[in-house]
mmCIF file of all heavy atoms, coordinates in Angstrom:
data_MODEL
# 
_entry.id   MODEL 
# 
loop_
_atom_site.group_PDB 
_atom_site.id 
_atom_site.type_symbol 
_atom_site.label_atom_id 
_atom_site.label_alt_id 
_atom_site.label_comp_id 
_atom_site.label_asym_id 
_atom_site.label_entity_id 
_atom_site.label_seq_id 
_atom_site.pdbx_PDB_ins_code 
_atom_site.Cartn_x 
_atom_site.Cartn_y 
_atom_site.Cartn_z 
_atom_site.occupancy 
_atom_site.B_iso_or_equiv 
_atom_site.pdbx_formal_charge 
_atom_site.auth_seq_id 
_atom_site.auth_comp_id 
_atom_site.auth_asym_id 
_atom_site.auth_atom_id 
_atom_site.pdbx_PDB_model_num 
ATOM 1   N N   . PRO A 1 1  ? 130.496 81.995 120.272 1.00 0.00 ? 1  PRO A N   1 
ATOM 2   C CA  . PRO A 1 1  ? 129.076 81.938 120.216 1.00 0.00 ? 1  PRO A CA  1 
ATOM 3   C C   . PRO A 1 1  ? 128.391 83.235 120.322 1.00 0.00 ? 1  PRO A C   1 
ATOM 4   O O   . PRO A 1 1  ? 128.905 84.198 120.887 1.00 0.00 ? 1  PRO A O   1 
ATOM 5   C CB  . PRO A 1 1  ? 128.728 81.087 121.510 1.00 0.00 ? 1  PRO A CB  1 
ATOM 6   C CG  . PRO A 1 1  ? 129.959 81.403 122.399 1.00 0.00 ? 1  PRO A CG  1 
ATOM 7   C CD  . PRO A 1 1  ? 130.939 81.618 121.519 1.00 0.00 ? 1  PRO A CD  1 
ATOM 8   N N   . GLY A 1 2  ? 127.320 83.473 119.538 1.00 0.00 ? 2  GLY A N   1 
ATOM 9   C CA  . GLY A 1 2  ? 126.606 84.661 119.436 1.00 0.00 ? 2  GLY A CA  1 
ATOM 10  C C   . GLY A 1 2  ? 125.574 84.731 120.561 1.00 0.00 ? 2  GLY A C   1 
ATOM 11  O O   . GLY A 1 2  ? 124.994 85.863 120.805 1.00 0.00 ? 2  GLY A O   1 
ATOM 12  N N   . LEU A 1 3  ? 125.210 83.688 121.123 1.00 0.00 ? 3  LEU A N   1 
ATOM 13  C CA  . LEU A 1 3  ? 124.029 83.623 122.227 1.00 0.00 ? 3  LEU A CA  1 
ATOM 14  C C   . LEU A 1 3  ? 124.630 83.042 123.422 1.00 0.00 ? 3  LEU A C   1 
ATOM 15  O O   . LEU A 1 3  ? 125.061 81.806 123.283 1.00 0.00 ? 3  LEU A O   1 
ATOM 16  C CB  . LEU A 1 3  ? 122.933 82.959 121.652 1.00 0.00 ? 3  LEU A CB  1 
ATOM 17  C CG  . LEU A 1 3  ? 121.654 83.056 122.466 1.00 0.00 ? 3  LEU A CG  1 
ATOM 18  C CD1 . LEU A 1 3  ? 121.174 84.390 122.718 1.00 0.00 ? 3  LEU A CD1 1 
ATOM 19  C CD2 . LEU A 1 3  ? 120.553 82.166 121.804 1.00 0.00 ? 3  LEU A CD2 1 
ATOM 20  N N   . VAL A 1 4  ? 124.500 83.558 124.522 1.00 0.00 ? 4  VAL A N   1 
ATOM 21  C CA  . VAL A 1 4  ? 125.079 83.089 125.825 1.00 0.00 ? 4  VAL A CA  1 
ATOM 22  C C   . VAL A 1 4  ? 123.900 83.301 126.872 1.00 0.00 ? 4  VAL A C   1 
ATOM 23  O O   . VAL A 1 4  ? 123.248 84.309 126.820 1.00 0.00 ? 4  VAL A O   1 
ATOM 24  C CB  . VAL A 1 4  ? 126.399 83.625 126.222 1.00 0.00 ? 4  VAL A CB  1 
ATOM 25  C CG1 . VAL A 1 4  ? 126.844 83.078 127.563 1.00 0.00 ? 4  VAL A CG1 1 
ATOM 26  C CG2 . VAL A 1 4  ? 127.367 83.662 125.090 1.00 0.00 ? 4  VAL A CG2 1 
ATOM 27  N N   . LYS A 1 5  ? 123.831 82.321 127.725 1.00 0.00 ? 5  LYS A N   1 
ATOM 28  C CA  . LYS A 1 5  ? 122.831 82.369 128.848 1.00 0.00 ? 5  LYS A CA  1 
ATOM 29  C C   . LYS A 1 5  ? 123.385 83.151 130.107 1.00 0.00 ? 5  LYS A C   1 
ATOM 30  O O   . LYS A 1 5  ? 124.547 83.101 130.213 1.00 0.00 ? 5  LYS A O   1 
ATOM 31  C CB  . LYS A 1 5  ? 122.410 80.976 129.259 1.00 0.00 ? 5  LYS A CB  1 
ATOM 32  C CG  . LYS A 1 5  ? 121.748 80.133 128.250 1.00 0.00 ? 5  LYS A CG  1 
ATOM 33  C CD  . LYS A 1 5  ? 121.408 78.773 128.910 1.00 0.00 ? 5  LYS A CD  1 
ATOM 34  C CE  . LYS A 1 5  ? 120.698 77.830 127.776 1.00 0.00 ? 5  LYS A CE  1 
ATOM 35  N NZ  . LYS A 1 5  ? 119.371 78.529 127.229 1.00 0.00 ? 5  LYS A NZ  1 
ATOM 36  N N   . PRO A 1 6  ? 122.509 83.820 130.703 1.00 0.00 ? 6  PRO A N   1 
ATOM 37  C CA  . PRO A 1 6  ? 122.976 84.625 131.817 1.00 0.00 ? 6  PRO A CA  1 
ATOM 38  C C   . PRO A 1 6  ? 123.617 83.709 132.830 1.00 0.00 ? 6  PRO A C   1 
ATOM 39  O O   . PRO A 1 6  ? 123.370 82.525 132.951 1.00 0.00 ? 6  PRO A O   1 
ATOM 40  C CB  . PRO A 1 6  ? 121.581 85.156 132.444 1.00 0.00 ? 6  PRO A CB  1 
ATOM 41  C CG  . PRO A 1 6  ? 120.674 85.298 131.306 1.00 0.00 ? 6  PRO A CG  1 
ATOM 42  C CD  . PRO A 1 6  ? 121.030 84.197 130.446 1.00 0.00 ? 6  PRO A CD  1 
ATOM 43  N N   . SER A 1 7  ? 124.617 84.322 133.536 1.00 0.00 ? 7  SER A N   1 
ATOM 44  C CA  . SER A 1 7  ? 125.481 83.519 134.478 1.00 0.00 ? 7  SER A CA  1 
ATOM 45  C C   . SER A 1 7  ? 126.702 82.776 133.819 1.00 0.00 ? 7  SER A C   1 
ATOM 46  O O   . SER A 1 7  ? 127.612 82.320 134.645 1.00 0.00 ? 7  SER A O   1 
ATOM 47  C CB  . SER A 1 7  ? 124.779 82.741 135.468 1.00 0.00 ? 7  SER A CB  1 
ATOM 48  O OG  . SER A 1 7  ? 124.384 81.493 134.943 1.00 0.00 ? 7  SER A OG  1 
ATOM 49  N N   . GLN A 1 8  ? 126.536 82.522 132.578 1.00 0.00 ? 8  GLN A N   1 
ATOM 50  C CA  . GLN A 1 8  ? 127.524 81.735 131.886 1.00 0.00 ? 8  GLN A CA  1 
ATOM 51  C C   . GLN A 1 8  ? 128.747 82.508 131.559 1.00 0.00 ? 8  GLN A C   1 
ATOM 52  O O   . GLN A 1 8  ? 128.787 83.718 131.766 1.00 0.00 ? 8  GLN A O   1 
ATOM 53  C CB  . GLN A 1 8  ? 127.056 81.031 130.636 1.00 0.00 ? 8  GLN A CB  1 
ATOM 54  C CG  . GLN A 1 8  ? 125.972 79.924 131.069 1.00 0.00 ? 8  GLN A CG  1 
ATOM 55  C CD  . GLN A 1 8  ? 125.623 79.006 129.935 1.00 0.00 ? 8  GLN A CD  1 
ATOM 56  O OE1 . GLN A 1 8  ? 125.688 79.465 128.803 1.00 0.00 ? 8  GLN A OE1 1 
ATOM 57  N NE2 . GLN A 1 8  ? 125.094 77.857 130.271 1.00 0.00 ? 8  GLN A NE2 1 
ATOM 58  N N   . THR A 1 9  ? 129.781 82.053 130.875 1.00 0.00 ? 9  THR A N   1 
ATOM 59  C CA  . THR A 1 9  ? 130.956 82.727 130.444 1.00 0.00 ? 9  THR A CA  1 
ATOM 60  C C   . THR A 1 9  ? 131.068 82.817 128.949 1.00 0.00 ? 9  THR A C   1 
ATOM 61  O O   . THR A 1 9  ? 130.843 81.874 128.125 1.00 0.00 ? 9  THR A O   1 
ATOM 62  C CB  . THR A 1 9  ? 132.168 81.828 130.895 1.00 0.00 ? 9  THR A CB  1 
ATOM 63  O OG1 . THR A 1 9  ? 132.329 81.863 132.291 1.00 0.00 ? 9  THR A OG1 1 
ATOM 64  C CG2 . THR A 1 9  ? 133.448 82.507 130.427 1.00 0.00 ? 9  THR A CG2 1 
ATOM 65  N N   . VAL A 1 10 ? 131.377 84.078 128.527 1.00 0.00 ? 10 VAL A N   1 
ATOM 66  C CA  . VAL A 1 10 ? 131.538 84.308 127.147 1.00 0.00 ? 10 VAL A CA  1 
ATOM 67  C C   . VAL A 1 10 ? 132.997 84.016 126.783 1.00 0.00 ? 10 VAL A C   1 
ATOM 68  O O   . VAL A 1 10 ? 133.814 84.629 127.518 1.00 0.00 ? 10 VAL A O   1 
ATOM 69  C CB  . VAL A 1 10 ? 131.128 85.725 126.649 1.00 0.00 ? 10 VAL A CB  1 
ATOM 70  C CG1 . VAL A 1 10 ? 131.662 86.157 125.355 1.00 0.00 ? 10 VAL A CG1 1 
ATOM 71  C CG2 . VAL A 1 10 ? 129.649 86.050 126.904 1.00 0.00 ? 10 VAL A CG2 1 
ATOM 72  N N   . SER A 1 11 ? 133.158 83.163 125.756 1.00 0.00 ? 11 SER A N   1 
ATOM 73  C CA  . SER A 1 11 ? 134.497 82.829 125.279 1.00 0.00 ? 11 SER A CA  1 
ATOM 74  C C   . SER A 1 11 ? 134.747 83.102 123.968 1.00 0.00 ? 11 SER A C   1 
ATOM 75  O O   . SER A 1 11 ? 133.962 82.624 123.057 1.00 0.00 ? 11 SER A O   1 
ATOM 76  C CB  . SER A 1 11 ? 134.898 81.389 125.613 1.00 0.00 ? 11 SER A CB  1 
ATOM 77  O OG  . SER A 1 11 ? 134.883 80.996 126.984 1.00 0.00 ? 11 SER A OG  1 
ATOM 78  N N   . LEU A 1 12 ? 135.610 84.159 123.591 1.00 0.00 ? 12 LEU A N   1 
ATOM 79  C CA  . LEU A 1 12 ? 135.840 84.495 122.154 1.00 0.00 ? 12 LEU A CA  1 
ATOM 80  C C   . LEU A 1 12 ? 137.257 84.481 121.898 1.00 0.00 ? 12 LEU A C   1 
ATOM 81  O O   . LEU A 1 12 ? 138.127 84.533 122.678 1.00 0.00 ? 12 LEU A O   1 
ATOM 82  C CB  . LEU A 1 12 ? 135.413 86.074 122.011 1.00 0.00 ? 12 LEU A CB  1 
ATOM 83  C CG  . LEU A 1 12 ? 133.946 86.425 122.364 1.00 0.00 ? 12 LEU A CG  1 
ATOM 84  C CD1 . LEU A 1 12 ? 133.807 87.858 122.226 1.00 0.00 ? 12 LEU A CD1 1 
ATOM 85  C CD2 . LEU A 1 12 ? 132.950 85.738 121.400 1.00 0.00 ? 12 LEU A CD2 1 
ATOM 86  N N   . THR A 1 13 ? 137.537 84.201 120.627 1.00 0.00 ? 13 THR A N   1 
ATOM 87  C CA  . THR A 1 13 ? 138.887 84.086 120.111 1.00 0.00 ? 13 THR A CA  1 
ATOM 88  C C   . THR A 1 13 ? 139.133 84.981 118.895 1.00 0.00 ? 13 THR A C   1 
ATOM 89  O O   . THR A 1 13 ? 138.152 85.253 118.143 1.00 0.00 ? 13 THR A O   1 
ATOM 90  C CB  . THR A 1 13 ? 139.141 82.541 119.523 1.00 0.00 ? 13 THR A CB  1 
ATOM 91  O OG1 . THR A 1 13 ? 138.875 81.671 120.637 1.00 0.00 ? 13 THR A OG1 1 
ATOM 92  C CG2 . THR A 1 13 ? 140.483 82.522 118.914 1.00 0.00 ? 13 THR A CG2 1 
ATOM 93  N N   . CYS A 1 14 ? 140.263 85.676 118.975 1.00 0.00 ? 14 CYS A N   1 
ATOM 94  C CA  . CYS A 1 14 ? 140.709 86.442 117.852 1.00 0.00 ? 14 CYS A CA  1 
ATOM 95  C C   . CYS A 1 14 ? 141.850 85.892 117.191 1.00 0.00 ? 14 CYS A C   1 
ATOM 96  O O   . CYS A 1 14 ? 142.967 85.642 117.899 1.00 0.00 ? 14 CYS A O   1 
ATOM 97  C CB  . CYS A 1 14 ? 141.082 87.847 118.456 1.00 0.00 ? 14 CYS A CB  1 
ATOM 98  S SG  . CYS A 1 14 ? 141.589 89.006 117.152 1.00 0.00 ? 14 CYS A SG  1 
ATOM 99  N N   . THR A 1 15 ? 141.597 85.637 115.904 1.00 0.00 ? 15 THR A N   1 
ATOM 100 C CA  . THR A 1 15 ? 142.648 85.047 115.079 1.00 0.00 ? 15 THR A CA  1 
ATOM 101 C C   . THR A 1 15 ? 143.316 86.124 114.239 1.00 0.00 ? 15 THR A C   1 
ATOM 102 O O   . THR A 1 15 ? 142.745 86.949 113.569 1.00 0.00 ? 15 THR A O   1 
ATOM 103 C CB  . THR A 1 15 ? 141.995 83.903 114.195 1.00 0.00 ? 15 THR A CB  1 
ATOM 104 O OG1 . THR A 1 15 ? 141.458 82.911 114.846 1.00 0.00 ? 15 THR A OG1 1 
ATOM 105 C CG2 . THR A 1 15 ? 143.131 83.338 113.204 1.00 0.00 ? 15 THR A CG2 1 
ATOM 106 N N   . VAL A 1 16 ? 144.601 86.101 114.320 1.00 0.00 ? 16 VAL A N   1 
ATOM 107 C CA  . VAL A 1 16 ? 145.453 87.132 113.705 1.00 0.00 ? 16 VAL A CA  1 
ATOM 108 C C   . VAL A 1 16 ? 146.209 86.603 112.573 1.00 0.00 ? 16 VAL A C   1 
ATOM 109 O O   . VAL A 1 16 ? 146.954 85.550 112.705 1.00 0.00 ? 16 VAL A O   1 
ATOM 110 C CB  . VAL A 1 16 ? 146.387 87.827 114.756 1.00 0.00 ? 16 VAL A CB  1 
ATOM 111 C CG1 . VAL A 1 16 ? 147.297 88.943 113.970 1.00 0.00 ? 16 VAL A CG1 1 
ATOM 112 C CG2 . VAL A 1 16 ? 145.708 88.451 115.836 1.00 0.00 ? 16 VAL A CG2 1 
ATOM 113 N N   . SER A 1 17 ? 146.090 87.258 111.337 1.00 0.00 ? 17 SER A N   1 
ATOM 114 C CA  . SER A 1 17 ? 146.958 86.780 110.187 1.00 0.00 ? 17 SER A CA  1 
ATOM 115 C C   . SER A 1 17 ? 147.710 88.060 109.636 1.00 0.00 ? 17 SER A C   1 
ATOM 116 O O   . SER A 1 17 ? 147.188 89.162 109.947 1.00 0.00 ? 17 SER A O   1 
ATOM 117 C CB  . SER A 1 17 ? 146.153 86.177 109.128 1.00 0.00 ? 17 SER A CB  1 
ATOM 118 O OG  . SER A 1 17 ? 145.189 87.186 108.678 1.00 0.00 ? 17 SER A OG  1 
ATOM 119 N N   . GLY A 1 18 ? 148.838 87.739 108.959 1.00 0.00 ? 18 GLY A N   1 
ATOM 120 C CA  . GLY A 1 18 ? 149.537 88.879 108.343 1.00 0.00 ? 18 GLY A CA  1 
ATOM 121 C C   . GLY A 1 18 ? 150.502 89.512 109.410 1.00 0.00 ? 18 GLY A C   1 
ATOM 122 O O   . GLY A 1 18 ? 151.249 90.447 109.029 1.00 0.00 ? 18 GLY A O   1 
ATOM 123 N N   . GLY A 1 19 ? 150.704 89.055 110.595 1.00 0.00 ? 19 GLY A N   1 
ATOM 124 C CA  . GLY A 1 19 ? 151.484 89.596 111.595 1.00 0.00 ? 19 GLY A CA  1 
ATOM 125 C C   . GLY A 1 19 ? 151.492 88.759 112.817 1.00 0.00 ? 19 GLY A C   1 
ATOM 126 O O   . GLY A 1 19 ? 150.388 88.052 113.013 1.00 0.00 ? 19 GLY A O   1 
ATOM 127 N N   . SER A 1 20 ? 152.495 88.769 113.637 1.00 0.00 ? 20 SER A N   1 
ATOM 128 C CA  . SER A 1 20 ? 152.584 87.913 114.847 1.00 0.00 ? 20 SER A CA  1 
ATOM 129 C C   . SER A 1 20 ? 152.210 88.666 115.917 1.00 0.00 ? 20 SER A C   1 
ATOM 130 O O   . SER A 1 20 ? 152.516 89.857 116.125 1.00 0.00 ? 20 SER A O   1 
ATOM 131 C CB  . SER A 1 20 ? 154.090 87.364 114.980 1.00 0.00 ? 20 SER A CB  1 
ATOM 132 O OG  . SER A 1 20 ? 154.264 86.812 116.236 1.00 0.00 ? 20 SER A OG  1 
ATOM 133 N N   . ILE A 1 21 ? 151.469 88.054 116.960 1.00 0.00 ? 21 ILE A N   1 
ATOM 134 C CA  . ILE A 1 21 ? 151.189 88.679 118.125 1.00 0.00 ? 21 ILE A CA  1 
ATOM 135 C C   . ILE A 1 21 ? 152.176 88.885 119.170 1.00 0.00 ? 21 ILE A C   1 
ATOM 136 O O   . ILE A 1 21 ? 152.007 89.531 120.055 1.00 0.00 ? 21 ILE A O   1 
ATOM 137 C CB  . ILE A 1 21 ? 149.913 87.941 118.862 1.00 0.00 ? 21 ILE A CB  1 
ATOM 138 C CG1 . ILE A 1 21 ? 150.368 86.524 119.146 1.00 0.00 ? 21 ILE A CG1 1 
ATOM 139 C CG2 . ILE A 1 21 ? 148.628 87.993 117.999 1.00 0.00 ? 21 ILE A CG2 1 
ATOM 140 C CD1 . ILE A 1 21 ? 149.240 85.822 119.919 1.00 0.00 ? 21 ILE A CD1 1 
ATOM 141 N N   . THR A 1 22 ? 153.421 88.375 118.690 1.00 0.00 ? 22 THR A N   1 
ATOM 142 C CA  . THR A 1 22 ? 154.608 88.555 119.635 1.00 0.00 ? 22 THR A CA  1 
ATOM 143 C C   . THR A 1 22 ? 155.490 89.669 119.024 1.00 0.00 ? 22 THR A C   1 
ATOM 144 O O   . THR A 1 22 ? 156.536 89.784 119.648 1.00 0.00 ? 22 THR A O   1 
ATOM 145 C CB  . THR A 1 22 ? 155.372 87.255 119.703 1.00 0.00 ? 22 THR A CB  1 
ATOM 146 O OG1 . THR A 1 22 ? 155.814 86.839 118.447 1.00 0.00 ? 22 THR A OG1 1 
ATOM 147 C CG2 . THR A 1 22 ? 154.408 86.090 120.276 1.00 0.00 ? 22 THR A CG2 1 
ATOM 148 N N   . THR A 1 23 ? 155.090 90.349 118.016 1.00 0.00 ? 23 THR A N   1 
ATOM 149 C CA  . THR A 1 23 ? 156.014 91.277 117.363 1.00 0.00 ? 23 THR A CA  1 
ATOM 150 C C   . THR A 1 23 ? 156.065 92.545 118.255 1.00 0.00 ? 23 THR A C   1 
ATOM 151 O O   . THR A 1 23 ? 155.112 93.021 118.633 1.00 0.00 ? 23 THR A O   1 
ATOM 152 C CB  . THR A 1 23 ? 155.561 91.748 115.941 1.00 0.00 ? 23 THR A CB  1 
ATOM 153 O OG1 . THR A 1 23 ? 155.692 90.568 115.101 1.00 0.00 ? 23 THR A OG1 1 
ATOM 154 C CG2 . THR A 1 23 ? 156.324 92.862 115.355 1.00 0.00 ? 23 THR A CG2 1 
ATOM 155 N N   . THR A 1 24 ? 157.308 92.962 118.613 1.00 0.00 ? 24 THR A N   1 
ATOM 156 C CA  . THR A 1 24 ? 157.485 94.311 119.260 1.00 0.00 ? 24 THR A CA  1 
ATOM 157 C C   . THR A 1 24 ? 157.084 95.483 118.431 1.00 0.00 ? 24 THR A C   1 
ATOM 158 O O   . THR A 1 24 ? 157.405 95.562 117.266 1.00 0.00 ? 24 THR A O   1 
ATOM 159 C CB  . THR A 1 24 ? 159.002 94.307 119.585 1.00 0.00 ? 24 THR A CB  1 
ATOM 160 O OG1 . THR A 1 24 ? 159.431 93.188 120.280 1.00 0.00 ? 24 THR A OG1 1 
ATOM 161 C CG2 . THR A 1 24 ? 159.273 95.643 120.503 1.00 0.00 ? 24 THR A CG2 1 
ATOM 162 N N   . SER A 1 25 ? 156.302 96.341 119.042 1.00 0.00 ? 25 SER A N   1 
ATOM 163 C CA  . SER A 1 25 ? 155.849 96.324 120.429 1.00 0.00 ? 25 SER A CA  1 
ATOM 164 C C   . SER A 1 25 ? 154.316 96.615 120.556 1.00 0.00 ? 25 SER A C   1 
ATOM 165 O O   . SER A 1 25 ? 153.834 97.626 120.981 1.00 0.00 ? 25 SER A O   1 
ATOM 166 C CB  . SER A 1 25 ? 156.575 97.410 121.273 1.00 0.00 ? 25 SER A CB  1 
ATOM 167 O OG  . SER A 1 25 ? 156.345 98.684 120.505 1.00 0.00 ? 25 SER A OG  1 
ATOM 168 N N   . TYR A 1 26 ? 153.647 95.684 119.839 1.00 0.00 ? 26 TYR A N   1 
ATOM 169 C CA  . TYR A 1 26 ? 152.105 95.841 119.626 1.00 0.00 ? 26 TYR A CA  1 
ATOM 170 C C   . TYR A 1 26 ? 151.335 95.278 120.866 1.00 0.00 ? 26 TYR A C   1 
ATOM 171 O O   . TYR A 1 26 ? 151.761 94.422 121.579 1.00 0.00 ? 26 TYR A O   1 
ATOM 172 C CB  . TYR A 1 26 ? 151.687 95.135 118.398 1.00 0.00 ? 26 TYR A CB  1 
ATOM 173 C CG  . TYR A 1 26 ? 152.235 95.722 117.165 1.00 0.00 ? 26 TYR A CG  1 
ATOM 174 C CD1 . TYR A 1 26 ? 153.122 95.175 116.319 1.00 0.00 ? 26 TYR A CD1 1 
ATOM 175 C CD2 . TYR A 1 26 ? 151.812 97.104 116.745 1.00 0.00 ? 26 TYR A CD2 1 
ATOM 176 C CE1 . TYR A 1 26 ? 153.657 95.842 115.287 1.00 0.00 ? 26 TYR A CE1 1 
ATOM 177 C CE2 . TYR A 1 26 ? 152.265 97.699 115.637 1.00 0.00 ? 26 TYR A CE2 1 
ATOM 178 C CZ  . TYR A 1 26 ? 153.368 97.081 114.879 1.00 0.00 ? 26 TYR A CZ  1 
ATOM 179 O OH  . TYR A 1 26 ? 153.747 97.733 113.728 1.00 0.00 ? 26 TYR A OH  1 
ATOM 180 N N   . TYR A 1 27 ? 150.167 95.845 120.975 1.00 0.00 ? 27 TYR A N   1 
ATOM 181 C CA  . TYR A 1 27 ? 149.228 95.516 121.996 1.00 0.00 ? 27 TYR A CA  1 
ATOM 182 C C   . TYR A 1 27 ? 147.926 95.036 121.361 1.00 0.00 ? 27 TYR A C   1 
ATOM 183 O O   . TYR A 1 27 ? 147.553 95.638 120.430 1.00 0.00 ? 27 TYR A O   1 
ATOM 184 C CB  . TYR A 1 27 ? 148.921 96.649 122.895 1.00 0.00 ? 27 TYR A CB  1 
ATOM 185 C CG  . TYR A 1 27 ? 150.076 97.079 123.812 1.00 0.00 ? 27 TYR A CG  1 
ATOM 186 C CD1 . TYR A 1 27 ? 151.097 97.785 123.162 1.00 0.00 ? 27 TYR A CD1 1 
ATOM 187 C CD2 . TYR A 1 27 ? 150.134 96.741 125.160 1.00 0.00 ? 27 TYR A CD2 1 
ATOM 188 C CE1 . TYR A 1 27 ? 152.304 98.206 123.962 1.00 0.00 ? 27 TYR A CE1 1 
ATOM 189 C CE2 . TYR A 1 27 ? 151.158 97.083 125.947 1.00 0.00 ? 27 TYR A CE2 1 
ATOM 190 C CZ  . TYR A 1 27 ? 152.359 97.841 125.264 1.00 0.00 ? 27 TYR A CZ  1 
ATOM 191 O OH  . TYR A 1 27 ? 153.304 98.168 126.029 1.00 0.00 ? 27 TYR A OH  1 
ATOM 192 N N   . TRP A 1 28 ? 147.364 93.976 121.856 1.00 0.00 ? 28 TRP A N   1 
ATOM 193 C CA  . TRP A 1 28 ? 146.251 93.247 121.265 1.00 0.00 ? 28 TRP A CA  1 
ATOM 194 C C   . TRP A 1 28 ? 145.082 93.350 122.259 1.00 0.00 ? 28 TRP A C   1 
ATOM 195 O O   . TRP A 1 28 ? 145.144 92.758 123.325 1.00 0.00 ? 28 TRP A O   1 
ATOM 196 C CB  . TRP A 1 28 ? 146.680 91.889 120.871 1.00 0.00 ? 28 TRP A CB  1 
ATOM 197 C CG  . TRP A 1 28 ? 147.773 91.674 120.094 1.00 0.00 ? 28 TRP A CG  1 
ATOM 198 C CD1 . TRP A 1 28 ? 149.212 91.684 120.343 1.00 0.00 ? 28 TRP A CD1 1 
ATOM 199 C CD2 . TRP A 1 28 ? 147.753 91.846 118.599 1.00 0.00 ? 28 TRP A CD2 1 
ATOM 200 N NE1 . TRP A 1 28 ? 149.933 91.687 119.264 1.00 0.00 ? 28 TRP A NE1 1 
ATOM 201 C CE2 . TRP A 1 28 ? 149.185 91.832 118.296 1.00 0.00 ? 28 TRP A CE2 1 
ATOM 202 C CE3 . TRP A 1 28 ? 146.769 91.933 117.618 1.00 0.00 ? 28 TRP A CE3 1 
ATOM 203 C CZ2 . TRP A 1 28 ? 149.623 91.755 116.800 1.00 0.00 ? 28 TRP A CZ2 1 
ATOM 204 C CZ3 . TRP A 1 28 ? 147.136 91.918 116.194 1.00 0.00 ? 28 TRP A CZ3 1 
ATOM 205 C CH2 . TRP A 1 28 ? 148.599 91.917 115.933 1.00 0.00 ? 28 TRP A CH2 1 
# 
């Protein structure tokens, strides 16, 4: 979401393509 009310929680997701987030030895 681009707009969040004060005191609430921002929840964002990063979708990765072209490589695995489990590949040694990268940091996300």
